[in-house]
Amino acid sequence: MARIPDGATVAASNRLVPQLTDRCTVAVFGFPGIPLTSDWITDDTHAPMGWPLSPEDETQTLKAARDAGYRTVDQRDGYVLLRRPSAGPSDP
């Protein structure tokens, strides 16, 4: 999450939201009715909470994000960080 710049818009899995709210505009990843327009997505795929998405829906939503142009910046220990290409010219 340190790669996400201050002030960025982020869609984060439920457990990760509190760790970003002091420096970013954060939405819960997969929350119904919120379009996927954040600059960044960070998700805990190792221990999905099952809310607001089931583990299967979470996998599909991450695939849809990649299909929409988000690219994987980092992925390890069950966490994934995606970035929308229009978020800026280079990684921080």
C-alpha atoms as a PDB file:
ATOM      1  CA  MET A   1       0.000   0.000   0.000  1.00  0.00           C
ATOM      2  CA  ALA A   2       2.997   2.288   0.340  1.00  0.00           C
ATOM      3  CA  ARG A   3       3.051   2.494  -3.474  1.00  0.00           C
ATOM      4  CA  ILE A   4      -0.339   4.221  -3.473  1.00  0.00           C
ATOM      5  CA  PRO A   5       0.270   7.972  -3.474  1.00  0.00           C
ATOM      6  CA  ASP A   6      -1.389  10.311  -0.993  1.00  0.00           C
ATOM      7  CA  GLY A   7      -4.613  11.769  -2.349  1.00  0.00           C
ATOM      8  CA  ALA A   8      -5.258   8.873  -4.717  1.00  0.00           C
ATOM      9  CA  THR A   9      -8.652   7.262  -5.199  1.00  0.00           C
ATOM     10  CA  VAL A  10      -8.604   3.633  -4.101  1.00  0.00           C
ATOM     11  CA  ALA A  11     -11.009   0.703  -4.113  1.00  0.00           C
ATOM     12  CA  ALA A  12      -9.845  -1.535  -1.271  1.00  0.00           C
ATOM     13  CA  SER A  13     -11.045  -4.759   0.258  1.00  0.00           C
ATOM     14  CA  ASN A  14     -12.869  -4.230   3.514  1.00  0.00           C
ATOM     15  CA  ARG A  15      -9.927  -5.024   5.853  1.00  0.00           C
ATOM     16  CA  LEU A  16      -7.613  -2.631   4.005  1.00  0.00           C
ATOM     17  CA  VAL A  17      -9.924   0.402   3.934  1.00  0.00           C
ATOM     18  CA  PRO A  18      -9.005   1.726   7.412  1.00  0.00           C
ATOM     19  CA  GLN A  19      -5.305   1.692   6.565  1.00  0.00           C
ATOM     20  CA  LEU A  20      -5.840   4.143   3.686  1.00  0.00           C
ATOM     21  CA  THR A  21      -8.582   6.540   4.793  1.00  0.00           C
ATOM     22  CA  ASP A  22      -6.223   9.007   6.438  1.00  0.00           C
ATOM     23  CA  ARG A  23      -4.469   9.779   3.153  1.00  0.00           C
ATOM     24  CA  CYS A  24      -6.657   8.621   0.247  1.00  0.00           C
ATOM     25  CA  THR A  25     -10.248   8.706  -0.963  1.00  0.00           C
ATOM     26  CA  VAL A  26     -11.346   5.120  -0.415  1.00  0.00           C
ATOM     27  CA  ALA A  27     -14.310   3.006  -1.484  1.00  0.00           C
ATOM     28  CA  VAL A  28     -14.941  -0.608  -0.543  1.00  0.00           C
ATOM     29  CA  PHE A  29     -13.891  -2.801  -3.476  1.00  0.00           C
ATOM     30  CA  GLY A  30     -16.940  -4.432  -5.028  1.00  0.00           C
ATOM     31  CA  PHE A  31     -19.511  -2.450  -3.072  1.00  0.00           C
ATOM     32  CA  PRO A  32     -22.791  -2.585  -5.033  1.00  0.00           C
ATOM     33  CA  GLY A  33     -23.598   0.489  -7.078  1.00  0.00           C
ATOM     34  CA  ILE A  34     -20.121   2.006  -6.958  1.00  0.00           C
ATOM     35  CA  PRO A  35     -18.549   2.011 -10.430  1.00  0.00           C
ATOM     36  CA  LEU A  36     -14.942   0.885 -10.743  1.00  0.00           C
ATOM     37  CA  THR A  37     -13.288   4.240 -11.441  1.00  0.00           C
ATOM     38  CA  SER A  38     -10.611   4.411  -8.725  1.00  0.00           C
ATOM     39  CA  ASP A  39      -7.005   4.987  -9.734  1.00  0.00           C
ATOM     40  CA  TRP A  40      -5.919   2.022  -7.608  1.00  0.00           C
ATOM     41  CA  ILE A  41      -7.380  -1.284  -6.416  1.00  0.00           C
ATOM     42  CA  THR A  42      -5.925  -3.214  -3.498  1.00  0.00           C
ATOM     43  CA  ASP A  43      -7.414  -6.505  -2.432  1.00  0.00           C
ATOM     44  CA  ASP A  44      -6.708  -9.263   0.070  1.00  0.00           C
ATOM     45  CA  THR A  45      -7.241 -12.371  -2.041  1.00  0.00           C
ATOM     46  CA  HIS A  46      -5.698 -14.693   0.554  1.00  0.00           C
ATOM     47  CA  ALA A  47      -8.398 -14.143   3.167  1.00  0.00           C
ATOM     48  CA  PRO A  48     -11.481 -12.697   1.454  1.00  0.00           C
ATOM     49  CA  MET A  49     -14.140 -11.569   3.904  1.00  0.00           C
ATOM     50  CA  GLY A  50     -17.082 -12.557   1.742  1.00  0.00           C
ATOM     51  CA  TRP A  51     -18.508  -9.048   1.926  1.00  0.00           C
ATOM     52  CA  PRO A  52     -19.488  -7.231  -0.184  1.00  0.00           C
ATOM     53  CA  LEU A  53     -18.372  -9.891  -2.666  1.00  0.00           C
ATOM     54  CA  SER A  54     -18.217 -13.648  -2.380  1.00  0.00           C
ATOM     55  CA  PRO A  55     -14.730 -15.029  -3.083  1.00  0.00           C
ATOM     56  CA  GLU A  56     -15.909 -16.119  -6.546  1.00  0.00           C
ATOM     57  CA  ASP A  57     -17.377 -12.677  -7.322  1.00  0.00           C
ATOM     58  CA  GLU A  58     -14.193 -11.042  -6.040  1.00  0.00           C
ATOM     59  CA  THR A  59     -12.132 -13.104  -8.499  1.00  0.00           C
ATOM     60  CA  GLN A  60     -14.497 -12.137 -11.323  1.00  0.00           C
ATOM     61  CA  THR A  61     -14.420  -8.445 -10.363  1.00  0.00           C
ATOM     62  CA  LEU A  62     -10.607  -8.431 -10.352  1.00  0.00           C
ATOM     63  CA  LYS A  63     -10.665 -10.079 -13.789  1.00  0.00           C
ATOM     64  CA  ALA A  64     -13.144  -7.467 -15.023  1.00  0.00           C
ATOM     65  CA  ALA A  65     -10.875  -4.706 -13.715  1.00  0.00           C
ATOM     66  CA  ARG A  66      -7.911  -6.179 -15.586  1.00  0.00           C
ATOM     67  CA  ASP A  67     -10.051  -6.572 -18.701  1.00  0.00           C
ATOM     68  CA  ALA A  68     -10.972  -2.876 -18.340  1.00  0.00           C
ATOM     69  CA  GLY A  69      -7.290  -1.897 -18.394  1.00  0.00           C
ATOM     70  CA  TYR A  70      -6.147  -2.041 -14.780  1.00  0.00           C
ATOM     71  CA  ARG A  71      -2.716  -3.612 -14.579  1.00  0.00           C
ATOM     72  CA  THR A  72      -1.072  -5.516 -11.771  1.00  0.00           C
ATOM     73  CA  VAL A  73       1.581  -3.412 -10.057  1.00  0.00           C
ATOM     74  CA  ASP A  74       2.353  -5.880  -7.282  1.00  0.00           C
ATOM     75  CA  GLN A  75       1.049  -9.204  -6.042  1.00  0.00           C
ATOM     76  CA  ARG A  76       2.388 -11.140  -3.065  1.00  0.00           C
ATOM     77  CA  ASP A  77       1.340 -12.905   0.110  1.00  0.00           C
ATOM     78  CA  GLY A  78      -2.274 -12.921  -1.069  1.00  0.00           C
ATOM     79  CA  TYR A  79      -2.466  -9.171  -1.684  1.00  0.00           C
ATOM     80  CA  VAL A  80      -2.870  -7.629  -5.109  1.00  0.00           C
ATOM     81  CA  LEU A  81      -2.356  -4.012  -6.167  1.00  0.00           C
ATOM     82  CA  LEU A  82      -3.800  -2.862  -9.486  1.00  0.00           C
ATOM     83  CA  ARG A  83      -3.462   0.519 -11.165  1.00  0.00           C
ATOM     84  CA  ARG A  84      -5.583   2.179 -13.804  1.00  0.00           C
ATOM     85  CA  PRO A  85      -3.355   3.283 -16.697  1.00  0.00           C
ATOM     86  CA  SER A  86      -4.822   6.790 -16.732  1.00  0.00           C
ATOM     87  CA  ALA A  87      -3.755   7.249 -13.080  1.00  0.00           C
ATOM     88  CA  GLY A  88      -0.499   8.888 -14.172  1.00  0.00           C
ATOM     89  CA  PRO A  89       2.680   8.491 -16.200  1.00  0.00           C
ATOM     90  CA  SER A  90       4.681   6.298 -13.811  1.00  0.00           C
ATOM     91  CA  ASP A  91       4.577   4.308 -10.599  1.00  0.00           C
ATOM     92  CA  PRO A  92       5.488   6.159  -7.426  1.00  0.00           C
END
